[in-house]
PDB file of N, CA and C in Angstrom:
ATOM      1  N   MET A   1       7.280   1.636   0.515  1.00  0.00           N
ATOM      2  CA  MET A   1       8.421   0.982   1.092  1.00  0.00           C
ATOM      3  C   MET A   1       8.115   0.533   2.516  1.00  0.00           C
ATOM      4  N   ALA A   2       7.369   1.332   3.257  1.00  0.00           N
ATOM      5  CA  ALA A   2       7.093   1.000   4.656  1.00  0.00           C
ATOM      6  C   ALA A   2       6.313  -0.304   4.772  1.00  0.00           C
ATOM      7  N   LEU A   3       5.398  -0.536   3.860  1.00  0.00           N
ATOM      8  CA  LEU A   3       4.598  -1.759   3.891  1.00  0.00           C
ATOM      9  C   LEU A   3       5.493  -2.990   3.798  1.00  0.00           C
ATOM     10  N   PHE A   4       6.449  -2.974   2.883  1.00  0.00           N
ATOM     11  CA  PHE A   4       7.368  -4.100   2.728  1.00  0.00           C
ATOM     12  C   PHE A   4       8.381  -4.145   3.865  1.00  0.00           C
ATOM     13  N   ARG A   5       8.794  -2.985   4.354  1.00  0.00           N
ATOM     14  CA  ARG A   5       9.726  -2.932   5.482  1.00  0.00           C
ATOM     15  C   ARG A   5       9.092  -3.574   6.717  1.00  0.00           C
ATOM     16  N   ASN A   6       7.785  -3.383   6.891  1.00  0.00           N
ATOM     17  CA  ASN A   6       7.090  -3.940   8.060  1.00  0.00           C
ATOM     18  C   ASN A   6       7.057  -5.463   8.060  1.00  0.00           C
ATOM     19  N   VAL A   7       7.230  -6.088   6.906  1.00  0.00           N
ATOM     20  CA  VAL A   7       7.250  -7.551   6.850  1.00  0.00           C
ATOM     21  C   VAL A   7       8.671  -8.094   6.669  1.00  0.00           C
ATOM     22  N   GLY A   8       9.678  -7.230   6.834  1.00  0.00           N
ATOM     23  CA  GLY A   8      11.055  -7.686   6.850  1.00  0.00           C
ATOM     24  C   GLY A   8      11.871  -7.433   5.601  1.00  0.00           C
ATOM     25  N   PHE A   9      11.308  -6.765   4.610  1.00  0.00           N
ATOM     26  CA  PHE A   9      12.068  -6.439   3.406  1.00  0.00           C
ATOM     27  C   PHE A   9      12.984  -5.256   3.695  1.00  0.00           C
ATOM     28  N   SER A  10      14.209  -5.324   3.205  1.00  0.00           N
ATOM     29  CA  SER A  10      15.063  -4.142   3.239  1.00  0.00           C
ATOM     30  C   SER A  10      14.643  -3.232   2.090  1.00  0.00           C
ATOM     31  N   ASP A  11      15.125  -2.000   2.120  1.00  0.00           N
ATOM     32  CA  ASP A  11      14.808  -1.089   1.017  1.00  0.00           C
ATOM     33  C   ASP A  11      15.351  -1.627  -0.301  1.00  0.00           C
ATOM     34  N   GLY A  12      16.546  -2.232  -0.260  1.00  0.00           N
ATOM     35  CA  GLY A  12      17.128  -2.808  -1.467  1.00  0.00           C
ATOM     36  C   GLY A  12      16.288  -3.948  -2.022  1.00  0.00           C
ATOM     37  N   MET A  13      15.765  -4.791  -1.134  1.00  0.00           N
ATOM     38  CA  MET A  13      14.905  -5.889  -1.581  1.00  0.00           C
ATOM     39  C   MET A  13      13.619  -5.350  -2.205  1.00  0.00           C
ATOM     40  N   THR A  14      13.092  -4.282  -1.631  1.00  0.00           N
ATOM     41  CA  THR A  14      11.869  -3.685  -2.167  1.00  0.00           C
ATOM     42  C   THR A  14      12.112  -3.096  -3.548  1.00  0.00           C
ATOM     43  N   VAL A  15      13.245  -2.442  -3.715  1.00  0.00           N
ATOM     44  CA  VAL A  15      13.595  -1.887  -5.029  1.00  0.00           C
ATOM     45  C   VAL A  15      13.785  -3.015  -6.035  1.00  0.00           C
ATOM     46  N   ALA A  16      14.480  -4.080  -5.644  1.00  0.00           N
ATOM     47  CA  ALA A  16      14.684  -5.222  -6.544  1.00  0.00           C
ATOM     48  C   ALA A  16      13.342  -5.840  -6.931  1.00  0.00           C
ATOM     49  N   PHE A  17      12.438  -5.947  -5.975  1.00  0.00           N
ATOM     50  CA  PHE A  17      11.098  -6.456  -6.237  1.00  0.00           C
ATOM     51  C   PHE A  17      10.392  -5.580  -7.274  1.00  0.00           C
ATOM     52  N   GLY A  18      10.523  -4.271  -7.123  1.00  0.00           N
ATOM     53  CA  GLY A  18       9.918  -3.340  -8.077  1.00  0.00           C
ATOM     54  C   GLY A  18      10.527  -3.461  -9.463  1.00  0.00           C
ATOM     55  N   VAL A  19      11.825  -3.694  -9.529  1.00  0.00           N
ATOM     56  CA  VAL A  19      12.497  -3.861 -10.825  1.00  0.00           C
ATOM     57  C   VAL A  19      11.976  -5.122 -11.515  1.00  0.00           C
ATOM     58  N   VAL A  20      11.809  -6.206 -10.759  1.00  0.00           N
ATOM     59  CA  VAL A  20      11.263  -7.441 -11.334  1.00  0.00           C
ATOM     60  C   VAL A  20       9.857  -7.190 -11.865  1.00  0.00           C
ATOM     61  N   GLN A  21       9.045  -6.466 -11.100  1.00  0.00           N
ATOM     62  CA  GLN A  21       7.700  -6.145 -11.574  1.00  0.00           C
ATOM     63  C   GLN A  21       7.741  -5.280 -12.829  1.00  0.00           C
ATOM     64  N   LEU A  22       8.650  -4.336 -12.876  1.00  0.00           N
ATOM     65  CA  LEU A  22       8.785  -3.486 -14.054  1.00  0.00           C
ATOM     66  C   LEU A  22       9.175  -4.298 -15.281  1.00  0.00           C
ATOM     67  N   VAL A  23      10.148  -5.170 -15.125  1.00  0.00           N
ATOM     68  CA  VAL A  23      10.583  -6.020 -16.239  1.00  0.00           C
ATOM     69  C   VAL A  23       9.429  -6.905 -16.703  1.00  0.00           C
ATOM     70  N   GLY A  24       8.735  -7.536 -15.754  1.00  0.00           N
ATOM     71  CA  GLY A  24       7.586  -8.369 -16.116  1.00  0.00           C
ATOM     72  C   GLY A  24       6.517  -7.573 -16.838  1.00  0.00           C
ATOM     73  N   GLY A  25       6.246  -6.385 -16.364  1.00  0.00           N
ATOM     74  CA  GLY A  25       5.245  -5.537 -17.006  1.00  0.00           C
ATOM     75  C   GLY A  25       5.640  -5.135 -18.414  1.00  0.00           C
ATOM     76  N   LEU A  26       6.904  -4.812 -18.608  1.00  0.00           N
ATOM     77  CA  LEU A  26       7.365  -4.457 -19.951  1.00  0.00           C
ATOM     78  C   LEU A  26       7.305  -5.649 -20.895  1.00  0.00           C
ATOM     79  N   LEU A  27       7.580  -6.836 -20.370  1.00  0.00           N
ATOM     80  CA  LEU A  27       7.514  -8.037 -21.205  1.00  0.00           C
ATOM     81  C   LEU A  27       6.082  -8.389 -21.598  1.00  0.00           C
ATOM     82  N   LEU A  28       5.112  -7.870 -20.875  1.00  0.00           N
ATOM     83  CA  LEU A  28       3.713  -8.113 -21.240  1.00  0.00           C
ATOM     84  C   LEU A  28       3.335  -7.410 -22.544  1.00  0.00           C
ATOM     85  N   LEU A  29       4.041  -6.367 -22.898  1.00  0.00           N
ATOM     86  CA  LEU A  29       3.646  -5.536 -24.034  1.00  0.00           C
ATOM     87  C   LEU A  29       3.851  -6.195 -25.401  1.00  0.00           C
ATOM     88  N   PRO A  30       5.040  -6.690 -25.738  1.00  0.00           N
ATOM     89  CA  PRO A  30       5.184  -7.338 -27.049  1.00  0.00           C
ATOM     90  C   PRO A  30       4.528  -8.723 -27.048  1.00  0.00           C
ATOM     91  N   ALA A  31       3.879  -9.060 -28.126  1.00  0.00           N
ATOM     92  CA  ALA A  31       3.181 -10.349 -28.211  1.00  0.00           C
ATOM     93  C   ALA A  31       4.134 -11.527 -28.022  1.00  0.00           C
ATOM     94  N   ARG A  32       5.360 -11.392 -28.493  1.00  0.00           N
ATOM     95  CA  ARG A  32       6.311 -12.510 -28.397  1.00  0.00           C
ATOM     96  C   ARG A  32       6.740 -12.817 -26.977  1.00  0.00           C
ATOM     97  N   THR A  33       6.674 -11.844 -26.071  1.00  0.00           N
ATOM     98  CA  THR A  33       7.158 -12.045 -24.702  1.00  0.00           C
ATOM     99  C   THR A  33       6.067 -11.936 -23.650  1.00  0.00           C
ATOM    100  N   THR A  34       4.823 -11.798 -24.071  1.00  0.00           N
ATOM    101  CA  THR A  34       3.763 -11.553 -23.104  1.00  0.00           C
ATOM    102  C   THR A  34       3.568 -12.724 -22.138  1.00  0.00           C
ATOM    103  N   ARG A  35       3.734 -13.938 -22.633  1.00  0.00           N
ATOM    104  CA  ARG A  35       3.560 -15.098 -21.749  1.00  0.00           C
ATOM    105  C   ARG A  35       4.651 -15.112 -20.668  1.00  0.00           C
ATOM    106  N   LEU A  36       5.889 -14.866 -21.056  1.00  0.00           N
ATOM    107  CA  LEU A  36       6.985 -14.783 -20.098  1.00  0.00           C
ATOM    108  C   LEU A  36       6.721 -13.675 -19.081  1.00  0.00           C
ATOM    109  N   GLY A  37       6.275 -12.527 -19.573  1.00  0.00           N
ATOM    110  CA  GLY A  37       5.958 -11.422 -18.666  1.00  0.00           C
ATOM    111  C   GLY A  37       4.899 -11.795 -17.649  1.00  0.00           C
ATOM    112  N   ALA A  38       3.874 -12.512 -18.093  1.00  0.00           N
ATOM    113  CA  ALA A  38       2.807 -12.928 -17.168  1.00  0.00           C
ATOM    114  C   ALA A  38       3.347 -13.915 -16.132  1.00  0.00           C
ATOM    115  N   TRP A  39       4.217 -14.842 -16.556  1.00  0.00           N
ATOM    116  CA  TRP A  39       4.795 -15.791 -15.598  1.00  0.00           C
ATOM    117  C   TRP A  39       5.709 -15.082 -14.601  1.00  0.00           C
ATOM    118  N   ILE A  40       6.381 -14.028 -15.028  1.00  0.00           N
ATOM    119  CA  ILE A  40       7.206 -13.238 -14.102  1.00  0.00           C
ATOM    120  C   ILE A  40       6.323 -12.463 -13.135  1.00  0.00           C
ATOM    121  N   MET A  41       5.230 -11.913 -13.638  1.00  0.00           N
ATOM    122  CA  MET A  41       4.351 -11.114 -12.795  1.00  0.00           C
ATOM    123  C   MET A  41       3.613 -11.954 -11.753  1.00  0.00           C
ATOM    124  N   LEU A  42       3.300 -13.191 -12.095  1.00  0.00           N
ATOM    125  CA  LEU A  42       2.508 -14.038 -11.199  1.00  0.00           C
ATOM    126  C   LEU A  42       3.110 -14.147  -9.788  1.00  0.00           C
ATOM    127  N   PRO A  43       4.370 -14.543  -9.621  1.00  0.00           N
ATOM    128  CA  PRO A  43       4.889 -14.626  -8.246  1.00  0.00           C
ATOM    129  C   PRO A  43       5.007 -13.269  -7.558  1.00  0.00           C
ATOM    130  N   THR A  44       5.208 -12.206  -8.336  1.00  0.00           N
ATOM    131  CA  THR A  44       5.274 -10.888  -7.699  1.00  0.00           C
ATOM    132  C   THR A  44       3.903 -10.494  -7.167  1.00  0.00           C
ATOM    133  N   PHE A  45       2.854 -10.837  -7.895  1.00  0.00           N
ATOM    134  CA  PHE A  45       1.501 -10.559  -7.401  1.00  0.00           C
ATOM    135  C   PHE A  45       1.185 -11.400  -6.167  1.00  0.00           C
ATOM    136  N   VAL A  46       1.615 -12.658  -6.177  1.00  0.00           N
ATOM    137  CA  VAL A  46       1.385 -13.523  -5.010  1.00  0.00           C
ATOM    138  C   VAL A  46       2.112 -12.951  -3.793  1.00  0.00           C
ATOM    139  N   LEU A  47       3.362 -12.546  -3.979  1.00  0.00           N
ATOM    140  CA  LEU A  47       4.129 -11.974  -2.875  1.00  0.00           C
ATOM    141  C   LEU A  47       3.499 -10.676  -2.371  1.00  0.00           C
ATOM    142  N   ALA A  48       3.105  -9.810  -3.290  1.00  0.00           N
ATOM    143  CA  ALA A  48       2.484  -8.546  -2.884  1.00  0.00           C
ATOM    144  C   ALA A  48       1.174  -8.797  -2.144  1.00  0.00           C
ATOM    145  N   THR A  49       0.412  -9.781  -2.590  1.00  0.00           N
ATOM    146  CA  THR A  49      -0.829 -10.134  -1.901  1.00  0.00           C
ATOM    147  C   THR A  49      -0.524 -10.624  -0.494  1.00  0.00           C
ATOM    148  N   GLY A  50       0.505 -11.460  -0.368  1.00  0.00           N
ATOM    149  CA  GLY A  50       0.908 -11.936   0.952  1.00  0.00           C
ATOM    150  C   GLY A  50       1.317 -10.801   1.874  1.00  0.00           C
ATOM    151  N   VAL A  51       2.031  -9.827   1.339  1.00  0.00           N
ATOM    152  CA  VAL A  51       2.439  -8.668   2.137  1.00  0.00           C
ATOM    153  C   VAL A  51       1.210  -7.891   2.601  1.00  0.00           C
ATOM    154  N   LEU A  52       0.258  -7.695   1.713  1.00  0.00           N
ATOM    155  CA  LEU A  52      -0.963  -6.982   2.091  1.00  0.00           C
ATOM    156  C   LEU A  52      -1.726  -7.729   3.185  1.00  0.00           C
ATOM    157  N   LEU A  53      -1.865  -9.032   3.025  1.00  0.00           N
ATOM    158  CA  LEU A  53      -2.593  -9.820   4.020  1.00  0.00           C
ATOM    159  C   LEU A  53      -1.840  -9.864   5.349  1.00  0.00           C
ATOM    160  N   ALA A  54      -0.512  -9.983   5.297  1.00  0.00           N
ATOM    161  CA  ALA A  54       0.293  -9.992   6.521  1.00  0.00           C
ATOM    162  C   ALA A  54       0.235  -8.649   7.239  1.00  0.00           C
ATOM    163  N   SER A  55      -0.051  -7.597   6.491  1.00  0.00           N
ATOM    164  CA  SER A  55      -0.155  -6.253   7.067  1.00  0.00           C
ATOM    165  C   SER A  55      -1.582  -5.932   7.485  1.00  0.00           C
ATOM    166  N   SER A  56      -2.437  -6.940   7.524  1.00  0.00           N
ATOM    167  CA  SER A  56      -3.841  -6.796   7.919  1.00  0.00           C
ATOM    168  C   SER A  56      -4.636  -5.886   6.995  1.00  0.00           C
ATOM    169  N   MET A  57      -4.213  -5.807   5.755  1.00  0.00           N
ATOM    170  CA  MET A  57      -4.944  -5.028   4.759  1.00  0.00           C
ATOM    171  C   MET A  57      -5.793  -6.011   3.955  1.00  0.00           C
ATOM    172  N   ILE A  58      -6.727  -6.631   4.657  1.00  0.00           N
ATOM    173  CA  ILE A  58      -7.503  -7.743   4.106  1.00  0.00           C
ATOM    174  C   ILE A  58      -8.281  -7.356   2.842  1.00  0.00           C
ATOM    175  N   PRO A  59      -9.018  -6.238   2.828  1.00  0.00           N
ATOM    176  CA  PRO A  59      -9.754  -5.908   1.592  1.00  0.00           C
ATOM    177  C   PRO A  59      -8.832  -5.736   0.382  1.00  0.00           C
ATOM    178  N   PHE A  60      -7.698  -5.057   0.578  1.00  0.00           N
ATOM    179  CA  PHE A  60      -6.763  -4.869  -0.533  1.00  0.00           C
ATOM    180  C   PHE A  60      -6.126  -6.197  -0.934  1.00  0.00           C
ATOM    181  N   GLY A  61      -5.801  -7.017   0.055  1.00  0.00           N
ATOM    182  CA  GLY A  61      -5.235  -8.326  -0.234  1.00  0.00           C
ATOM    183  C   GLY A  61      -6.214  -9.200  -1.004  1.00  0.00           C
ATOM    184  N   ALA A  62      -7.470  -9.168  -0.591  1.00  0.00           N
ATOM    185  CA  ALA A  62      -8.488  -9.962  -1.283  1.00  0.00           C
ATOM    186  C   ALA A  62      -8.665  -9.458  -2.717  1.00  0.00           C
ATOM    187  N   PHE A  63      -8.696  -8.155  -2.892  1.00  0.00           N
ATOM    188  CA  PHE A  63      -8.841  -7.583  -4.230  1.00  0.00           C
ATOM    189  C   PHE A  63      -7.646  -7.937  -5.110  1.00  0.00           C
ATOM    190  N   SER A  64      -6.450  -7.947  -4.514  1.00  0.00           N
ATOM    191  CA  SER A  64      -5.257  -8.217  -5.324  1.00  0.00           C
ATOM    192  C   SER A  64      -5.194  -9.667  -5.788  1.00  0.00           C
ATOM    193  N   LEU A  65      -6.022 -10.536  -5.224  1.00  0.00           N
ATOM    194  CA  LEU A  65      -6.118 -11.902  -5.738  1.00  0.00           C
ATOM    195  C   LEU A  65      -6.609 -11.904  -7.185  1.00  0.00           C
ATOM    196  N   LEU A  66      -7.327 -10.857  -7.575  1.00  0.00           N
ATOM    197  CA  LEU A  66      -7.759 -10.736  -8.971  1.00  0.00           C
ATOM    198  C   LEU A  66      -6.553 -10.580  -9.901  1.00  0.00           C
ATOM    199  N   PHE A  67      -5.528  -9.874  -9.450  1.00  0.00           N
ATOM    200  CA  PHE A  67      -4.317  -9.720 -10.250  1.00  0.00           C
ATOM    201  C   PHE A  67      -3.588 -11.055 -10.383  1.00  0.00           C
ATOM    202  N   VAL A  68      -3.570 -11.820  -9.293  1.00  0.00           N
ATOM    203  CA  VAL A  68      -2.952 -13.151  -9.330  1.00  0.00           C
ATOM    204  C   VAL A  68      -3.669 -14.019 -10.356  1.00  0.00           C
ATOM    205  N   ALA A  69      -5.007 -14.046 -10.269  1.00  0.00           N
ATOM    206  CA  ALA A  69      -5.797 -14.862 -11.195  1.00  0.00           C
ATOM    207  C   ALA A  69      -5.620 -14.390 -12.631  1.00  0.00           C
ATOM    208  N   SER A  70      -5.603 -13.090 -12.829  1.00  0.00           N
ATOM    209  CA  SER A  70      -5.447 -12.538 -14.167  1.00  0.00           C
ATOM    210  C   SER A  70      -4.094 -12.924 -14.771  1.00  0.00           C
ATOM    211  N   ALA A  71      -3.034 -12.814 -13.992  1.00  0.00           N
ATOM    212  CA  ALA A  71      -1.703 -13.175 -14.497  1.00  0.00           C
ATOM    213  C   ALA A  71      -1.642 -14.657 -14.823  1.00  0.00           C
ATOM    214  N   TYR A  72      -2.227 -15.483 -13.959  1.00  0.00           N
ATOM    215  CA  TYR A  72      -2.208 -16.924 -14.219  1.00  0.00           C
ATOM    216  C   TYR A  72      -2.987 -17.267 -15.489  1.00  0.00           C
ATOM    217  N   LEU A  73      -4.168 -16.715 -15.610  1.00  0.00           N
ATOM    218  CA  LEU A  73      -4.984 -17.004 -16.796  1.00  0.00           C
ATOM    219  C   LEU A  73      -4.302 -16.517 -18.064  1.00  0.00           C
ATOM    220  N   HIS A  74      -3.715 -15.350 -17.983  1.00  0.00           N
ATOM    221  CA  HIS A  74      -3.025 -14.798 -19.155  1.00  0.00           C
ATOM    222  C   HIS A  74      -1.829 -15.672 -19.532  1.00  0.00           C
ATOM    223  N   ALA A  75      -1.060 -16.085 -18.545  1.00  0.00           N
ATOM    224  CA  ALA A  75       0.132 -16.889 -18.817  1.00  0.00           C
ATOM    225  C   ALA A  75      -0.228 -18.266 -19.343  1.00  0.00           C
ATOM    226  N   SER A  76      -1.267 -18.847 -18.803  1.00  0.00           N
ATOM    227  CA  SER A  76      -1.595 -20.215 -19.185  1.00  0.00           C
ATOM    228  C   SER A  76      -2.378 -20.305 -20.488  1.00  0.00           C
ATOM    229  N   ARG A  77      -3.029 -19.246 -20.888  1.00  0.00           N
ATOM    230  CA  ARG A  77      -3.865 -19.286 -22.091  1.00  0.00           C
ATOM    231  C   ARG A  77      -3.230 -18.642 -23.312  1.00  0.00           C
ATOM    232  N   TRP A  78      -2.239 -17.789 -23.114  1.00  0.00           N
ATOM    233  CA  TRP A  78      -1.630 -17.081 -24.231  1.00  0.00           C
ATOM    234  C   TRP A  78      -0.841 -18.056 -25.089  1.00  0.00           C
ATOM    235  N   ARG A  79      -1.034 -18.018 -26.354  1.00  0.00           N
ATOM    236  CA  ARG A  79      -0.315 -18.889 -27.293  1.00  0.00           C
ATOM    237  C   ARG A  79       0.792 -18.099 -27.953  1.00  0.00           C
ATOM    238  N   SER A  80       1.956 -18.690 -27.977  1.00  0.00           N
ATOM    239  CA  SER A  80       3.087 -18.034 -28.662  1.00  0.00           C
ATOM    240  C   SER A  80       2.815 -18.028 -30.165  1.00  0.00           C
ATOM    241  N   ARG A  81       3.252 -16.963 -30.810  1.00  0.00           N
ATOM    242  CA  ARG A  81       3.021 -16.842 -32.254  1.00  0.00           C
ATOM    243  C   ARG A  81       4.233 -17.277 -33.019  1.00  0.00           C
TER     244      ARG A  81
END
């Protein structure tokens, strides 16, 4: 929570952000909703990466770009059944 608080998030905003990530993650599990889940996760990963970089956590921010790329590739390549 402190990491997000340091960039201006309230505790409520941080919890809401976590709920969105949870929903996106759960949607990744069933094949029918995995593409939607990946599209939901993509902006949350971008935002989290931005928070890490804004907090001068450059190595973690750089590493988290892999999550951004993974979500994008998964969302753009997954075919609905």
